[in-house]
Amino acid sequence: MAGRDTGPVVSRGAPRRGFPTAGPGGRAGRRRAGRGGTGARGGGGGGGGDAELRREADVLEARDRADSTRAVAPLRAAADAVVLDTTRLSLEQQVQAVVALARTRLPG
């Protein structure tokens, strides 16, 4: 299950929960890379410069702030969730971290 709203409200009965998070700069770089530009860790042209990346990060910060402070189902990690900061992780590393978490925290 994935999504910004699957934490304490949607996955209430889950035996174990993870809460992936990443800084706005890292997320903005991933978005830019997903649109064919250069990601936050890359170099070179295509996809805009630092100003575009900062604007994207600002939009993400505003979204996070709004989602975290809304009255119904605010964006937050469940009290028992393991927080996984993916800011500097590749997709492969993120998958490995989640699999490792599942293997250590789930029975059987």
N, C-alpha and C. Protein backbone atom coordinates (compact mmCIF):
# COMPACT_ATOMS: atom_id res chain seq x y z
N MET A 1 0.84 -1.16 0.00
CA MET A 1 0.00 0.00 0.00
C MET A 1 0.89 1.24 0.00
N ALA A 2 0.54 2.21 -0.79
CA ALA A 2 1.33 3.43 -0.87
C ALA A 2 0.40 4.63 -0.87
N GLY A 3 0.93 5.76 -0.51
CA GLY A 3 0.17 6.99 -0.55
C GLY A 3 0.39 7.82 0.69
N ARG A 4 0.11 9.08 0.59
CA ARG A 4 0.35 10.00 1.69
C ARG A 4 -0.65 9.80 2.82
N ASP A 5 -1.77 9.18 2.56
CA ASP A 5 -2.83 9.09 3.55
C ASP A 5 -3.09 7.66 4.03
N THR A 6 -2.07 6.83 4.03
CA THR A 6 -2.27 5.43 4.42
C THR A 6 -1.72 5.11 5.79
N GLY A 7 -1.34 6.10 6.55
CA GLY A 7 -0.71 5.88 7.86
C GLY A 7 -1.67 5.48 8.95
N PRO A 8 -1.85 6.31 9.96
CA PRO A 8 -2.62 5.95 11.13
C PRO A 8 -4.10 5.70 10.85
N VAL A 9 -4.65 6.27 9.80
CA VAL A 9 -6.08 6.16 9.55
C VAL A 9 -6.42 4.93 8.71
N VAL A 10 -5.80 4.80 7.55
CA VAL A 10 -6.15 3.73 6.62
C VAL A 10 -5.61 2.38 7.06
N SER A 11 -4.38 2.34 7.52
CA SER A 11 -3.75 1.06 7.85
C SER A 11 -3.74 0.79 9.36
N ARG A 12 -4.80 1.17 10.02
CA ARG A 12 -4.92 1.04 11.46
C ARG A 12 -4.57 -0.35 11.98
N GLY A 13 -5.06 -1.39 11.35
CA GLY A 13 -4.88 -2.74 11.86
C GLY A 13 -3.63 -3.45 11.38
N ALA A 14 -2.77 -2.77 10.67
CA ALA A 14 -1.56 -3.41 10.14
C ALA A 14 -0.65 -3.86 11.27
N PRO A 15 -0.05 -5.06 11.15
CA PRO A 15 0.82 -5.53 12.22
C PRO A 15 2.11 -4.70 12.34
N ARG A 16 2.59 -4.18 11.26
CA ARG A 16 3.78 -3.33 11.25
C ARG A 16 3.58 -2.26 10.19
N ARG A 17 4.10 -1.09 10.47
CA ARG A 17 3.95 0.01 9.52
C ARG A 17 5.26 0.75 9.35
N GLY A 18 5.49 1.18 8.14
CA GLY A 18 6.62 2.04 7.85
C GLY A 18 6.08 3.39 7.39
N PHE A 19 6.89 4.41 7.55
CA PHE A 19 6.50 5.74 7.12
C PHE A 19 7.66 6.33 6.34
N PRO A 20 7.62 6.17 5.00
CA PRO A 20 8.70 6.75 4.21
C PRO A 20 8.58 8.26 4.14
N THR A 21 9.70 8.91 4.27
CA THR A 21 9.71 10.36 4.19
C THR A 21 10.97 10.78 3.44
N ALA A 22 10.99 11.98 2.96
CA ALA A 22 12.16 12.53 2.28
C ALA A 22 12.07 14.04 2.35
N GLY A 23 13.21 14.67 2.37
CA GLY A 23 13.24 16.12 2.38
C GLY A 23 12.71 16.69 1.08
N PRO A 24 12.18 17.91 1.12
CA PRO A 24 11.61 18.51 -0.08
C PRO A 24 12.60 18.66 -1.23
N GLY A 25 13.87 18.91 -0.91
CA GLY A 25 14.86 19.03 -1.98
C GLY A 25 15.06 17.72 -2.72
N GLY A 26 15.13 16.64 -1.98
CA GLY A 26 15.28 15.31 -2.60
C GLY A 26 14.06 14.94 -3.41
N ARG A 27 12.88 15.23 -2.87
CA ARG A 27 11.64 14.92 -3.61
C ARG A 27 11.52 15.78 -4.86
N ALA A 28 11.91 17.04 -4.76
CA ALA A 28 11.85 17.92 -5.93
C ALA A 28 12.79 17.41 -7.02
N GLY A 29 13.98 16.96 -6.62
CA GLY A 29 14.91 16.40 -7.59
C GLY A 29 14.36 15.16 -8.27
N ARG A 30 13.70 14.31 -7.51
CA ARG A 30 13.09 13.11 -8.09
C ARG A 30 11.99 13.47 -9.07
N ARG A 31 11.19 14.46 -8.70
CA ARG A 31 10.13 14.90 -9.62
C ARG A 31 10.73 15.42 -10.93
N ARG A 32 11.75 16.23 -10.79
CA ARG A 32 12.40 16.78 -11.99
C ARG A 32 12.98 15.66 -12.84
N ALA A 33 13.63 14.71 -12.21
CA ALA A 33 14.20 13.57 -12.95
C ALA A 33 13.09 12.76 -13.62
N GLY A 34 11.95 12.62 -12.95
CA GLY A 34 10.83 11.89 -13.51
C GLY A 34 10.24 12.57 -14.74
N ARG A 35 10.44 13.86 -14.84
CA ARG A 35 9.98 14.61 -16.01
C ARG A 35 11.04 14.68 -17.10
N GLY A 36 12.13 13.94 -16.90
CA GLY A 36 13.17 13.92 -17.93
C GLY A 36 14.31 14.89 -17.69
N GLY A 37 14.28 15.61 -16.59
CA GLY A 37 15.36 16.53 -16.26
C GLY A 37 16.42 15.82 -15.44
N THR A 38 17.29 16.59 -14.86
CA THR A 38 18.34 16.05 -14.02
C THR A 38 17.89 16.11 -12.58
N GLY A 39 18.05 15.02 -11.85
CA GLY A 39 17.63 14.95 -10.46
C GLY A 39 18.51 15.78 -9.55
N ALA A 40 18.18 15.79 -8.27
CA ALA A 40 18.89 16.59 -7.28
C ALA A 40 20.34 16.20 -7.15
N ARG A 41 20.65 14.91 -7.40
CA ARG A 41 22.02 14.46 -7.25
C ARG A 41 22.78 14.49 -8.57
N GLY A 42 22.08 14.77 -9.65
CA GLY A 42 22.74 14.72 -10.95
C GLY A 42 23.38 16.04 -11.33
N GLY A 43 24.02 16.05 -12.45
CA GLY A 43 24.61 17.27 -12.98
C GLY A 43 24.22 17.41 -14.43
N GLY A 44 24.49 18.53 -15.01
CA GLY A 44 24.20 18.68 -16.42
C GLY A 44 22.90 19.39 -16.66
N GLY A 45 22.55 19.50 -17.93
CA GLY A 45 21.41 20.30 -18.31
C GLY A 45 20.13 19.50 -18.41
N GLY A 46 19.11 20.16 -18.91
CA GLY A 46 17.81 19.54 -19.09
C GLY A 46 16.98 19.61 -17.83
N GLY A 47 15.75 20.08 -17.97
CA GLY A 47 14.84 20.03 -16.85
C GLY A 47 14.86 21.25 -15.94
N GLY A 48 15.65 22.26 -16.25
CA GLY A 48 15.63 23.46 -15.42
C GLY A 48 16.79 23.53 -14.47
N GLY A 49 16.92 24.67 -13.82
CA GLY A 49 18.05 24.88 -12.94
C GLY A 49 17.68 24.87 -11.48
N ASP A 50 18.57 25.43 -10.68
CA ASP A 50 18.39 25.45 -9.24
C ASP A 50 17.14 26.22 -8.81
N ALA A 51 16.81 27.28 -9.54
CA ALA A 51 15.62 28.07 -9.17
C ALA A 51 14.36 27.24 -9.34
N GLU A 52 14.29 26.47 -10.41
CA GLU A 52 13.13 25.59 -10.63
C GLU A 52 13.05 24.53 -9.54
N LEU A 53 14.18 23.97 -9.20
CA LEU A 53 14.23 22.95 -8.15
C LEU A 53 13.77 23.54 -6.82
N ARG A 54 14.20 24.74 -6.50
CA ARG A 54 13.78 25.41 -5.26
C ARG A 54 12.28 25.68 -5.25
N ARG A 55 11.74 26.12 -6.40
CA ARG A 55 10.29 26.37 -6.49
C ARG A 55 9.51 25.09 -6.24
N GLU A 56 9.98 24.00 -6.84
CA GLU A 56 9.32 22.70 -6.65
C GLU A 56 9.39 22.28 -5.18
N ALA A 57 10.54 22.46 -4.55
CA ALA A 57 10.71 22.13 -3.13
C ALA A 57 9.77 22.99 -2.28
N ASP A 58 9.61 24.26 -2.62
CA ASP A 58 8.71 25.15 -1.88
C ASP A 58 7.26 24.66 -1.97
N VAL A 59 6.86 24.21 -3.17
CA VAL A 59 5.51 23.68 -3.37
C VAL A 59 5.31 22.44 -2.49
N LEU A 60 6.31 21.56 -2.47
CA LEU A 60 6.21 20.35 -1.66
C LEU A 60 6.17 20.66 -0.17
N GLU A 61 6.95 21.64 0.27
CA GLU A 61 6.92 22.05 1.68
C GLU A 61 5.54 22.58 2.06
N ALA A 62 4.94 23.38 1.18
CA ALA A 62 3.61 23.93 1.44
C ALA A 62 2.57 22.81 1.51
N ARG A 63 2.69 21.85 0.60
CA ARG A 63 1.76 20.71 0.60
C ARG A 63 1.91 19.91 1.89
N ASP A 64 3.15 19.65 2.29
CA ASP A 64 3.40 18.91 3.54
C ASP A 64 2.80 19.64 4.73
N ARG A 65 2.99 20.94 4.78
CA ARG A 65 2.48 21.75 5.89
C ARG A 65 0.95 21.67 5.93
N ALA A 66 0.31 21.81 4.77
CA ALA A 66 -1.15 21.74 4.71
C ALA A 66 -1.65 20.35 5.11
N ASP A 67 -1.01 19.32 4.57
CA ASP A 67 -1.43 17.96 4.88
C ASP A 67 -1.18 17.59 6.33
N SER A 68 -0.14 18.12 6.92
CA SER A 68 0.20 17.79 8.31
C SER A 68 -0.66 18.52 9.33
N THR A 69 -1.30 19.59 8.92
CA THR A 69 -2.08 20.38 9.87
C THR A 69 -3.58 20.32 9.60
N ARG A 70 -4.02 19.53 8.65
CA ARG A 70 -5.46 19.45 8.38
C ARG A 70 -6.16 18.77 9.56
N ALA A 71 -7.44 19.09 9.72
CA ALA A 71 -8.20 18.58 10.85
C ALA A 71 -8.50 17.09 10.75
N VAL A 72 -8.76 16.61 9.55
CA VAL A 72 -9.12 15.20 9.36
C VAL A 72 -7.92 14.45 8.78
N ALA A 73 -7.51 13.39 9.44
CA ALA A 73 -6.43 12.50 8.99
C ALA A 73 -5.17 13.27 8.59
N PRO A 74 -4.59 14.02 9.51
CA PRO A 74 -3.37 14.75 9.15
C PRO A 74 -2.24 13.80 8.77
N LEU A 75 -1.39 14.26 7.88
CA LEU A 75 -0.24 13.47 7.44
C LEU A 75 0.74 13.37 8.60
N ARG A 76 0.94 12.17 9.10
CA ARG A 76 1.90 11.94 10.17
C ARG A 76 2.17 10.45 10.26
N ALA A 77 3.29 10.12 10.83
CA ALA A 77 3.61 8.72 11.06
C ALA A 77 2.78 8.22 12.23
N ALA A 78 2.31 6.98 12.13
CA ALA A 78 1.64 6.36 13.26
C ALA A 78 2.64 6.21 14.39
N ALA A 79 2.17 6.17 15.61
CA ALA A 79 3.05 6.08 16.77
C ALA A 79 3.96 4.86 16.71
N ASP A 80 3.48 3.77 16.12
CA ASP A 80 4.27 2.55 16.06
C ASP A 80 4.99 2.35 14.72
N ALA A 81 4.95 3.33 13.85
CA ALA A 81 5.57 3.21 12.53
C ALA A 81 7.08 3.43 12.62
N VAL A 82 7.79 2.74 11.75
CA VAL A 82 9.23 2.97 11.60
C VAL A 82 9.39 4.02 10.51
N VAL A 83 10.02 5.13 10.84
CA VAL A 83 10.23 6.22 9.89
C VAL A 83 11.47 5.91 9.06
N LEU A 84 11.31 5.94 7.75
CA LEU A 84 12.39 5.65 6.82
C LEU A 84 12.66 6.90 5.98
N ASP A 85 13.77 7.57 6.24
CA ASP A 85 14.15 8.76 5.48
C ASP A 85 14.80 8.31 4.18
N THR A 86 14.14 8.57 3.07
CA THR A 86 14.61 8.12 1.76
C THR A 86 15.28 9.24 0.96
N THR A 87 15.54 10.36 1.61
CA THR A 87 16.07 11.53 0.90
C THR A 87 17.27 11.19 0.04
N ARG A 88 18.21 10.43 0.57
CA ARG A 88 19.45 10.15 -0.16
C ARG A 88 19.52 8.71 -0.66
N LEU A 89 18.38 8.02 -0.70
CA LEU A 89 18.37 6.63 -1.14
C LEU A 89 17.87 6.52 -2.57
N SER A 90 18.49 5.63 -3.33
CA SER A 90 17.98 5.32 -4.66
C SER A 90 16.72 4.48 -4.50
N LEU A 91 15.99 4.28 -5.57
CA LEU A 91 14.80 3.44 -5.52
C LEU A 91 15.17 2.03 -5.04
N GLU A 92 16.23 1.49 -5.57
CA GLU A 92 16.67 0.15 -5.16
C GLU A 92 16.97 0.10 -3.66
N GLN A 93 17.64 1.12 -3.15
CA GLN A 93 17.96 1.16 -1.73
C GLN A 93 16.69 1.29 -0.87
N GLN A 94 15.70 2.03 -1.37
CA GLN A 94 14.44 2.16 -0.65
C GLN A 94 13.74 0.81 -0.55
N VAL A 95 13.70 0.10 -1.66
CA VAL A 95 13.08 -1.22 -1.67
C VAL A 95 13.81 -2.16 -0.71
N GLN A 96 15.13 -2.15 -0.76
CA GLN A 96 15.91 -3.00 0.14
C GLN A 96 15.62 -2.68 1.60
N ALA A 97 15.49 -1.40 1.93
CA ALA A 97 15.23 -1.00 3.31
C ALA A 97 13.85 -1.47 3.77
N VAL A 98 12.85 -1.37 2.91
CA VAL A 98 11.51 -1.81 3.27
C VAL A 98 11.46 -3.33 3.43
N VAL A 99 12.12 -4.05 2.52
CA VAL A 99 12.17 -5.51 2.62
C VAL A 99 12.88 -5.93 3.90
N ALA A 100 13.99 -5.27 4.22
CA ALA A 100 14.72 -5.59 5.45
C ALA A 100 13.84 -5.32 6.67
N LEU A 101 13.12 -4.22 6.67
CA LEU A 101 12.21 -3.90 7.77
C LEU A 101 11.15 -4.99 7.92
N ALA A 102 10.55 -5.38 6.81
CA ALA A 102 9.53 -6.42 6.86
C ALA A 102 10.09 -7.73 7.39
N ARG A 103 11.27 -8.07 6.96
CA ARG A 103 11.87 -9.33 7.41
C ARG A 103 12.19 -9.33 8.89
N THR A 104 12.57 -8.19 9.44
CA THR A 104 12.92 -8.14 10.85
C THR A 104 11.73 -7.92 11.76
N ARG A 105 10.67 -7.34 11.24
CA ARG A 105 9.54 -6.97 12.10
C ARG A 105 8.32 -7.86 11.95
N LEU A 106 8.22 -8.62 10.85
CA LEU A 106 7.04 -9.45 10.67
C LEU A 106 7.31 -10.89 11.11
N PRO A 107 6.35 -11.53 11.75
CA PRO A 107 6.57 -12.91 12.17
C PRO A 107 6.63 -13.85 10.97
N GLY A 108 7.41 -14.92 11.12
CA GLY A 108 7.49 -15.97 10.11
C GLY A 108 8.44 -15.63 9.07
